Each structure stands twice: as structure tokens, then as C-alpha cells.
Protein backbone atom coordinates (compact mmCIF):
# COMPACT_ATOMS: atom_id res chain seq x y z
CA MET A 1 -0.15 10.05 5.57
CA ILE A 2 1.45 10.25 2.30
CA GLN A 3 2.96 7.16 0.94
CA ARG A 4 5.94 8.14 -0.94
CA ARG A 5 7.41 6.67 -4.29
CA LYS A 6 9.83 3.62 -4.06
CA SER A 7 13.06 4.50 -5.57
CA ARG A 8 16.95 3.77 -4.97
CA GLN A 9 19.07 5.79 -3.10
CA ILE A 10 21.97 7.53 -4.11
CA MET A 11 24.58 9.30 -2.12
CA VAL A 12 25.18 13.32 -2.36
CA GLY A 13 28.34 13.21 -0.45
CA LYS A 14 27.86 12.38 3.10
CA VAL A 15 24.03 13.36 2.40
CA ALA A 16 21.28 10.13 1.32
CA VAL A 17 19.13 10.97 -1.35
CA GLY A 18 15.91 8.88 -2.34
CA GLY A 19 14.63 5.53 -0.70
CA ASP A 20 13.65 6.05 2.97
CA ALA A 21 16.26 9.03 3.60
CA PRO A 22 14.44 12.19 4.64
CA ILE A 23 13.55 14.32 1.69
CA THR A 24 16.26 16.85 1.58
CA VAL A 25 15.91 20.78 1.11
CA GLN A 26 18.79 22.28 -1.06
CA SER A 27 19.42 25.50 -2.76
CA MET A 28 21.86 27.42 -5.28
CA THR A 29 24.40 30.07 -4.48
CA ASN A 30 24.12 33.58 -6.69
CA THR A 31 27.63 34.92 -5.91
CA LYS A 32 30.67 34.67 -8.38
CA THR A 33 31.78 31.03 -7.83
CA HIS A 34 35.18 32.16 -8.29
CA ASP A 35 34.82 34.53 -5.08
CA VAL A 36 35.23 32.37 -2.40
CA GLU A 37 35.01 34.47 0.50
CA GLY A 38 31.44 36.12 -0.45
CA THR A 39 30.27 32.46 -2.14
CA MET A 40 31.22 30.88 1.34
CA ALA A 41 29.43 33.70 3.13
CA GLN A 42 26.33 32.70 1.24
CA ILE A 43 26.88 28.77 1.62
CA ARG A 44 27.15 29.81 5.19
CA ALA A 45 23.87 31.19 5.53
CA LEU A 46 22.01 28.32 3.75
CA GLU A 47 23.16 26.15 6.19
CA GLU A 48 22.10 28.11 8.93
CA ALA A 49 18.95 28.19 7.23
CA GLY A 50 18.94 24.33 7.12
CA ALA A 51 20.24 24.00 3.80
CA ASP A 52 20.85 20.30 3.18
CA ILE A 53 22.71 20.51 -0.82
CA VAL A 54 24.27 23.62 -2.14
CA ARG A 55 24.49 24.09 -5.84
CA VAL A 56 27.05 26.24 -7.08
CA SER A 57 27.51 27.42 -10.74
CA CYS A 58 30.82 26.27 -12.47
CA PRO A 59 30.47 28.09 -16.14
CA ASP A 60 34.08 28.88 -16.27
CA VAL A 61 37.98 27.46 -15.22
CA GLU A 62 37.59 30.29 -12.68
CA SER A 63 34.94 28.76 -11.09
CA THR A 64 35.95 25.51 -11.23
CA GLN A 65 39.30 26.36 -9.99
CA ALA A 66 38.02 27.64 -6.97
CA LEU A 67 35.58 24.65 -6.37
CA LYS A 68 38.19 23.08 -4.78
CA ALA A 69 38.28 25.77 -1.58
CA ILE A 70 34.52 25.65 -1.88
CA VAL A 71 33.90 22.09 -1.17
CA GLN A 72 36.65 21.77 1.55
CA GLN A 73 35.14 24.81 3.81
CA SER A 74 31.28 23.27 3.51
CA ASN A 75 29.72 21.92 5.85
CA VAL A 76 27.04 20.82 3.17
CA PRO A 77 27.49 18.72 -0.15
CA ILE A 78 28.71 20.93 -2.81
CA VAL A 79 26.59 20.38 -5.96
CA ALA A 80 28.48 21.44 -9.11
CA ASP A 81 26.03 23.08 -11.74
CA ILE A 82 27.41 22.40 -15.29
CA HIS A 83 26.01 24.11 -18.63
CA PHE A 84 27.15 23.77 -22.11
CA HIS A 85 31.19 23.01 -21.37
CA TYR A 86 31.63 19.24 -20.30
CA LYS A 87 35.06 19.82 -19.84
CA ARG A 88 33.48 21.83 -16.96
CA ALA A 89 32.33 19.01 -14.95
CA ILE A 90 35.24 16.99 -15.20
CA GLU A 91 37.45 19.72 -13.74
CA ALA A 92 34.20 19.86 -11.07
CA ALA A 93 34.45 16.11 -10.25
CA GLN A 94 38.68 16.44 -9.73
CA ALA A 95 38.06 19.47 -7.52
CA GLY A 96 35.73 17.44 -4.98
CA ALA A 97 32.13 18.20 -6.00
CA ALA A 98 29.35 15.63 -4.39
CA CYS A 99 27.30 15.73 -7.60
CA LEU A 100 27.54 17.15 -11.24
CA ARG A 101 23.99 18.88 -12.39
CA ILE A 102 24.01 18.65 -16.16
CA ASN A 103 21.43 19.46 -18.88
CA PRO A 104 21.95 17.20 -21.71
CA GLY A 105 20.15 19.54 -24.39
CA ASN A 106 22.84 21.81 -23.52
CA ILE A 107 26.35 19.67 -23.38
CA GLY A 108 26.77 18.53 -26.14
CA SER A 109 26.76 14.80 -27.63
CA ALA A 110 26.72 11.60 -26.42
CA ALA A 111 30.53 11.22 -26.11
CA ARG A 112 31.11 14.06 -23.98
CA VAL A 113 28.17 12.83 -21.72
CA ARG A 114 30.18 9.38 -21.50
CA GLU A 115 33.23 10.98 -20.21
CA VAL A 116 31.61 13.16 -17.93
CA VAL A 117 30.42 9.78 -16.51
CA GLN A 118 33.61 8.52 -16.44
CA ALA A 119 34.73 11.14 -14.43
CA ALA A 120 31.99 10.89 -11.94
CA LYS A 121 32.88 7.06 -11.16
CA ASP A 122 36.49 8.29 -11.12
CA TYR A 123 36.25 10.75 -8.36
CA GLY A 124 32.98 9.52 -6.79
CA CYS A 125 30.32 12.09 -7.40
CA SER A 126 27.11 11.58 -8.55
CA MET A 127 24.96 13.34 -11.19
CA ARG A 128 21.66 15.14 -11.81
CA ILE A 129 20.47 14.84 -15.23
CA GLY A 130 18.51 18.32 -15.22
CA VAL A 131 16.04 18.49 -18.20
CA ASN A 132 13.90 21.61 -18.43
CA ALA A 133 11.77 22.47 -20.94
CA GLY A 134 12.93 25.55 -21.96
CA SER A 135 16.44 23.48 -23.33
CA LEU A 136 15.42 20.39 -25.24
CA GLU A 137 17.28 18.71 -27.81
CA LYS A 138 16.75 20.37 -31.06
CA ASP A 139 15.74 16.27 -32.30
CA LEU A 140 12.93 16.51 -29.36
CA MET A 141 11.50 19.86 -30.27
CA GLU A 142 11.65 18.87 -34.07
CA LYS A 143 9.92 15.48 -33.42
CA TYR A 144 7.02 16.93 -30.73
CA GLY A 145 6.70 20.68 -32.12
CA GLU A 146 7.15 22.29 -28.37
CA PRO A 147 7.95 21.05 -24.97
CA CYS A 148 5.70 18.75 -23.38
CA PRO A 149 5.66 15.95 -20.98
CA GLU A 150 6.62 13.29 -23.42
CA ALA A 151 9.59 15.29 -24.75
CA MET A 152 10.90 15.94 -21.27
CA VAL A 153 10.51 12.09 -20.11
CA GLU A 154 12.04 10.78 -23.48
CA SER A 155 14.98 13.54 -22.79
CA ALA A 156 15.75 12.05 -19.67
CA LEU A 157 15.18 8.88 -20.00
CA PHE A 158 17.72 8.53 -22.94
CA HIS A 159 20.26 10.20 -20.95
CA ALA A 160 19.36 7.72 -18.04
CA ASN A 161 20.31 4.81 -20.21
CA ILE A 162 23.75 5.90 -20.84
CA LEU A 163 24.51 6.36 -17.51
CA ARG A 164 23.26 2.65 -17.10
CA ASP A 165 25.03 1.63 -20.29
CA HIS A 166 28.28 2.48 -18.37
CA ASP A 167 26.88 0.68 -14.81
CA PHE A 168 26.72 4.55 -13.82
CA HIS A 169 23.47 4.73 -11.07
CA GLU A 170 24.53 6.72 -8.53
CA PHE A 171 22.07 9.67 -10.27
CA LYS A 172 18.79 11.69 -9.83
CA ILE A 173 16.78 13.31 -12.52
CA SER A 174 14.54 16.23 -12.92
CA VAL A 175 12.28 17.35 -15.27
CA LYS A 176 11.06 21.18 -14.66
CA ALA A 177 9.20 24.01 -16.19
CA SER A 178 7.80 27.05 -15.49
CA ASP A 179 4.64 25.93 -16.16
CA VAL A 180 2.84 24.22 -13.07
CA PHE A 181 1.20 21.82 -15.45
CA LEU A 182 3.58 21.07 -17.50
CA THR A 183 5.94 20.40 -14.64
CA VAL A 184 3.51 18.13 -12.62
CA ALA A 185 2.66 16.21 -15.71
CA ALA A 186 6.35 15.59 -16.54
CA TYR A 187 7.16 14.45 -12.96
CA THR A 188 4.04 12.25 -12.77
CA ALA A 189 5.04 10.61 -15.98
CA LEU A 190 8.41 10.10 -14.93
CA ALA A 191 8.00 8.76 -11.82
CA ASP A 192 6.18 5.87 -13.55
CA ALA A 193 8.99 5.14 -16.06
CA ILE A 194 12.18 4.91 -13.92
CA ASP A 195 12.74 4.20 -10.09
CA CYS A 196 16.11 6.67 -9.74
CA PRO A 197 15.85 9.41 -7.24
CA LEU A 198 13.55 12.85 -7.86
CA HIS A 199 14.41 16.20 -8.14
CA ILE A 200 11.67 18.06 -7.71
CA GLY A 201 11.22 21.87 -8.49
CA VAL A 202 8.85 24.70 -10.63
CA THR A 203 12.00 26.43 -12.45
CA GLU A 204 12.17 30.26 -12.63
CA ALA A 205 9.10 30.00 -10.25
CA GLY A 206 9.27 33.92 -10.00
CA PRO A 207 9.74 36.69 -7.24
CA LEU A 208 9.13 35.83 -3.93
CA ARG A 209 5.02 35.45 -3.54
CA ASN A 210 4.67 35.03 -6.87
CA GLY A 211 7.29 31.97 -6.68
CA THR A 212 6.24 30.55 -3.47
CA ILE A 213 2.06 30.53 -4.59
CA LYS A 214 3.61 28.48 -8.14
CA SER A 215 5.56 26.31 -6.06
CA ALA A 216 3.25 25.38 -3.34
CA ILE A 217 0.99 24.53 -6.14
CA GLY A 218 3.30 21.99 -8.17
CA LEU A 219 5.54 20.87 -5.26
CA GLY A 220 2.25 20.50 -3.00
CA ASN A 221 1.16 18.08 -5.98
CA LEU A 222 3.59 16.31 -6.67
CA LEU A 223 4.80 15.65 -2.60
CA TRP A 224 1.08 14.81 -2.10
CA ALA A 225 1.37 11.97 -4.88
CA GLY A 226 4.51 10.53 -3.23
CA ILE A 227 6.86 12.18 -5.84
CA GLY A 228 9.97 13.68 -5.28
CA ASP A 229 13.09 13.29 -2.98
CA THR A 230 15.21 16.39 -3.16
CA VAL A 231 13.52 19.96 -3.25
CA ARG A 232 14.40 22.95 -4.79
CA VAL A 233 12.29 25.81 -4.53
CA SER A 234 13.11 28.57 -7.57
CA LEU A 235 12.61 32.16 -6.41
CA ALA A 236 14.11 35.32 -7.71
CA ALA A 237 14.77 36.22 -3.87
CA ASP A 238 17.20 35.66 -1.56
CA PRO A 239 18.14 32.16 -1.97
CA VAL A 240 17.73 31.56 1.60
CA GLU A 241 14.26 32.11 1.36
CA GLU A 242 14.05 29.20 -0.91
CA ILE A 243 15.22 26.85 1.85
CA LYS A 244 12.48 28.31 4.53
CA VAL A 245 9.44 28.09 1.58
CA GLY A 246 10.84 24.47 1.10
CA PHE A 247 11.18 23.31 4.57
CA ASP A 248 7.73 25.17 4.96
CA LEU A 249 6.10 23.13 1.92
CA LEU A 250 7.08 19.69 3.61
CA LYS A 251 5.96 21.07 7.06
CA SER A 252 2.26 21.50 5.75
CA LEU A 253 2.14 17.81 4.43
CA GLY A 254 3.68 16.46 7.62
CA LEU A 255 6.75 15.25 5.43
CA ARG A 256 9.35 16.80 7.12
CA HIS A 257 9.63 18.95 10.12
CA ARG A 258 12.31 21.77 11.34
CA GLY A 259 11.94 24.51 13.49
CA VAL A 260 8.97 26.35 14.96
CA ASN A 261 5.67 25.80 13.89
CA ILE A 262 3.76 28.89 14.53
CA ILE A 263 0.03 28.56 14.07
CA ALA A 264 -1.89 32.33 14.39
CA CYS A 265 -5.01 33.88 13.60
CA PRO A 266 -5.19 36.39 10.81
CA SER A 267 -6.68 38.87 13.96
CA CYS A 268 -9.88 40.71 14.22
CA ALA A 269 -11.46 43.57 16.09
CA ARG A 270 -11.88 40.76 19.24
CA GLN A 271 -8.04 40.69 18.82
CA GLY A 272 -6.40 41.16 23.20
CA PHE A 273 -2.92 42.19 21.65
CA ASN A 274 -1.61 43.01 17.81
CA VAL A 275 -1.25 39.64 16.48
CA ILE A 276 0.20 40.63 13.40
CA ASP A 277 3.31 42.49 15.18
CA THR A 278 3.80 40.08 17.82
CA VAL A 279 3.78 36.89 14.82
CA ALA A 280 6.33 38.76 12.82
CA LYS A 281 8.47 39.50 15.48
CA LEU A 282 8.19 36.20 17.04
CA GLU A 283 9.20 34.77 13.99
CA GLU A 284 12.37 36.72 13.64
CA ARG A 285 13.33 35.78 17.00
CA LEU A 286 12.63 32.06 17.08
CA ALA A 287 14.18 31.27 13.37
CA HIS A 288 17.61 30.30 15.14
CA ILE A 289 15.24 27.15 17.01
CA ALA A 290 15.91 24.07 14.50
CA LYS A 291 14.24 21.58 16.58
CA PRO A 292 10.61 21.16 15.62
CA MET A 293 7.69 22.04 17.79
CA SER A 294 4.50 24.15 17.75
CA LEU A 295 3.54 27.54 19.00
CA SER A 296 0.01 29.05 18.78
CA ILE A 297 -0.52 32.63 18.97
CA ILE A 298 -4.37 33.71 19.17
CA GLY A 299 -5.73 37.10 19.41
CA CYS A 300 -8.93 35.60 21.18
CA VAL A 301 -10.59 32.96 23.59
CA VAL A 302 -12.70 32.02 20.39
CA ASN A 303 -10.42 29.61 18.89
CA GLY A 304 -7.06 30.52 21.16
CA PRO A 305 -7.84 27.39 24.18
CA GLY A 306 -9.02 25.02 20.82
CA GLU A 307 -5.63 25.31 18.84
CA ALA A 308 -3.37 25.45 22.16
CA LEU A 309 -4.25 21.76 23.37
CA TYR A 310 -2.39 20.88 19.89
CA THR A 311 0.63 23.14 20.26
CA ASP A 312 3.80 22.81 22.80
CA VAL A 313 3.67 26.28 23.71
CA GLY A 314 0.88 28.69 23.41
CA PHE A 315 -0.84 32.22 23.64
CA THR A 316 -4.60 33.09 23.91
CA GLY A 317 -5.40 37.16 24.44
CA GLY A 318 -7.90 38.00 26.96
CA GLY A 319 -8.90 41.60 28.25
CA ALA A 320 -7.28 44.15 30.22
CA GLY A 321 -4.37 43.48 28.24
CA SER A 322 -3.23 40.20 29.64
CA GLY A 323 -3.78 36.61 28.36
CA MET A 324 -3.31 33.10 28.90
CA VAL A 325 -0.12 30.81 28.23
CA TYR A 326 -0.64 27.05 27.21
CA LEU A 327 2.08 24.90 28.01
CA GLY A 328 1.35 21.21 26.68
CA GLY A 329 -2.07 22.31 25.94
CA LYS A 330 -3.18 22.84 29.39
CA PRO A 331 -3.40 26.64 30.74
CA ASP A 332 -0.39 27.51 32.98
CA HIS A 333 -0.11 31.30 33.50
CA LYS A 334 -1.45 34.29 33.31
CA LEU A 335 0.77 36.88 31.23
CA SER A 336 0.71 40.56 30.80
CA ASN A 337 0.88 42.07 27.05
CA ASP A 338 4.02 44.05 28.22
CA GLY A 339 6.97 41.80 28.29
CA MET A 340 4.92 38.70 26.58
CA ILE A 341 7.42 38.08 22.98
CA ASP A 342 10.55 38.34 25.58
CA HIS A 343 8.66 35.69 28.03
CA ILE A 344 7.43 33.67 24.97
CA VAL A 345 10.84 33.58 23.44
CA GLU A 346 12.16 32.00 26.65
CA LEU A 347 9.20 29.61 27.11
CA VAL A 348 10.32 28.27 23.29
CA GLU A 349 13.67 28.10 24.25
CA ALA A 350 13.24 25.81 27.17
CA HIS A 351 10.71 23.57 25.37
CA ALA A 352 13.76 23.73 22.49
CA ALA A 353 16.27 22.77 24.86
CA LYS A 354 14.81 19.53 26.27
CA LEU A 355 13.79 17.79 22.89
């Protein structure tokens, strides 16, 4: 069992982050924020995929003006992403953002940060101090010569102290880098230095496959060590894929379960049906199920019965165009390969309805 790091708990809207709360999964829209209809369509898609929190960028006045309507229509808390202009943060707080994400290296002087803190206090929103290796403060770059864990942690703690000096404690911190080793080292050091919740992620991880692999390595290391209270997988892909990968990471480590966990063999010459095609179709047709359960799809009797012992529903391929259906780990009935997908979907949906 993974022992999670003890952290303070804060609220992002109605969602608890840190403490004993479940690790939350979030993503970010890539629409123009002032396009309320387009942005809301993407937020709803993220909600459907299971997103606990959604972040939107607020680079200009048009975006913060649209934020109020977005917040009112969203069923999940909205985080306003602020870069460079502290007034956008104040406007976002006034518009009802659940959380303000600021990058200390970009937002300006300590005085400006203090104004943002006051707005967060006035309008009841939390904050995220977002430190990125690619945008550290000039004085830290001069001191350390290059982005390094020490510089990132120093930046994070400096700005955390500003918040605490103003009696503001509803904040979380991220120290992201595109380099997996730098990311893990920075978060590991930060976890020992402060008790606030940590938002973890490998920033700018890359396209879907490569970015998923990098994120799995970096975030997997952190989560295994008990570090991380909320997760964002940064992919150059549909934001919905970030939510899927985030939940899959947590599911693989037993930290959180959502949806159908499909256990499937890679297939070989022994398969009694087309495993790869079947699994692809089942994954698509079962994507709407949010309740956690397990399904095994194994091509032959070598490993199929053993895997089925530990899954809610299982199917093992046999000979003569049919296989065996397992329910609750026990053989239940034979099933022809013809129509097997429809039947398995019905069985899974029926089991999920009982949960």
C-alpha cells in the first residue's frame, strides 16, 4: 500500500485537495476562453471523462469577462490560469474562479502578488503557485546558473511565504519541468520542505504516446512515493486524453478507481478470437461507465481462467468459435464469438448497475 504524504487540505470550489481527500485529476481547455460556447463544450467533455477540476487560460480582459458565465455553467470548479498580468487575476477572482494559478516568475513584483492574494481572500478562492523550470525568476537564474531543483524549490517557498505572511493558507504548489528527472527531484525536495498540497505534473510532456510515457515515469515515481494531491498530465493531444491518462495512472497504483479496468492479453496464435479488435471495441463502448469494476478479455485457456478469478466479468476464448464467460470469478456460461461484444457490454452494464 502506498502511504501518501501528509498535507494540509484546501478547497478548490467544492472539491477538497490534499489531506485525506482522493487525488484529483484535472485538465485545461485549449479553446479561446472568450468563446463561451466552445469553452463550455470542452469543459462538458472533460466533465464526462471524469475531470474533477478544469483550468482555463485568462490572458486578456475578454477572457476574464467571459469567465463569469463559464463559472456559472460549469459543474466542476474552474481555475483561472494567469500569466504576466496581475490584474487578470483580480478580475478572475471577481468573476468567481475557484482558484487562481499564478506563475511567480512571470507575474511581477511582490507587491503585485500581494494584491492578487488580497483578491483571493476577498472573493473566497484558493491559489496555486505554479513554478516552471522554463520561467524562473532572473535572480534565481543568476544565482544557480540554470534551472535546478534548488532554484525551483526556493522560488516556490519564497512565494509561499508571501501568502503566509498575509495570513493566506488556501494554496497549493507545483514545481514542473519538461525533464522527468528535474521534475521528480524538485517535487521530492519540496514535499519535505512544506506541508501544503502539491499539484504534480511533467509540463509540456509531448504528444500522446511519448507524453504519456514521460508522465507515467515521472508522476508514477512521485505517486509511488506518496507525493501528489492533484494531477495534470500535460499532453499535446485532446484534453480529454489527459483525464483518461491521469485516471489510468492512479488506477495502476491503486490510488483511485474509475470506470472499467480491462485486463487483456496481447494476443498470439492461440487466440480463439480477435483479441485486439474486441478490446478496442469494448473500451469504446464501455467508456460511459464511471463505477469501478474489472473485465478480463483473454484469448485462450492458458491464462484466461486464472485472470478471470480476480475480475468481475471475464471472457476466455476457446475452440470452435466460442468461449467461456466468467462472473464473479466463476465459470457461468459458454458464449459464441458471434455477438460476444454486445453480450459482454450487457453483462458489464448490469454489474455496474448493482454497484
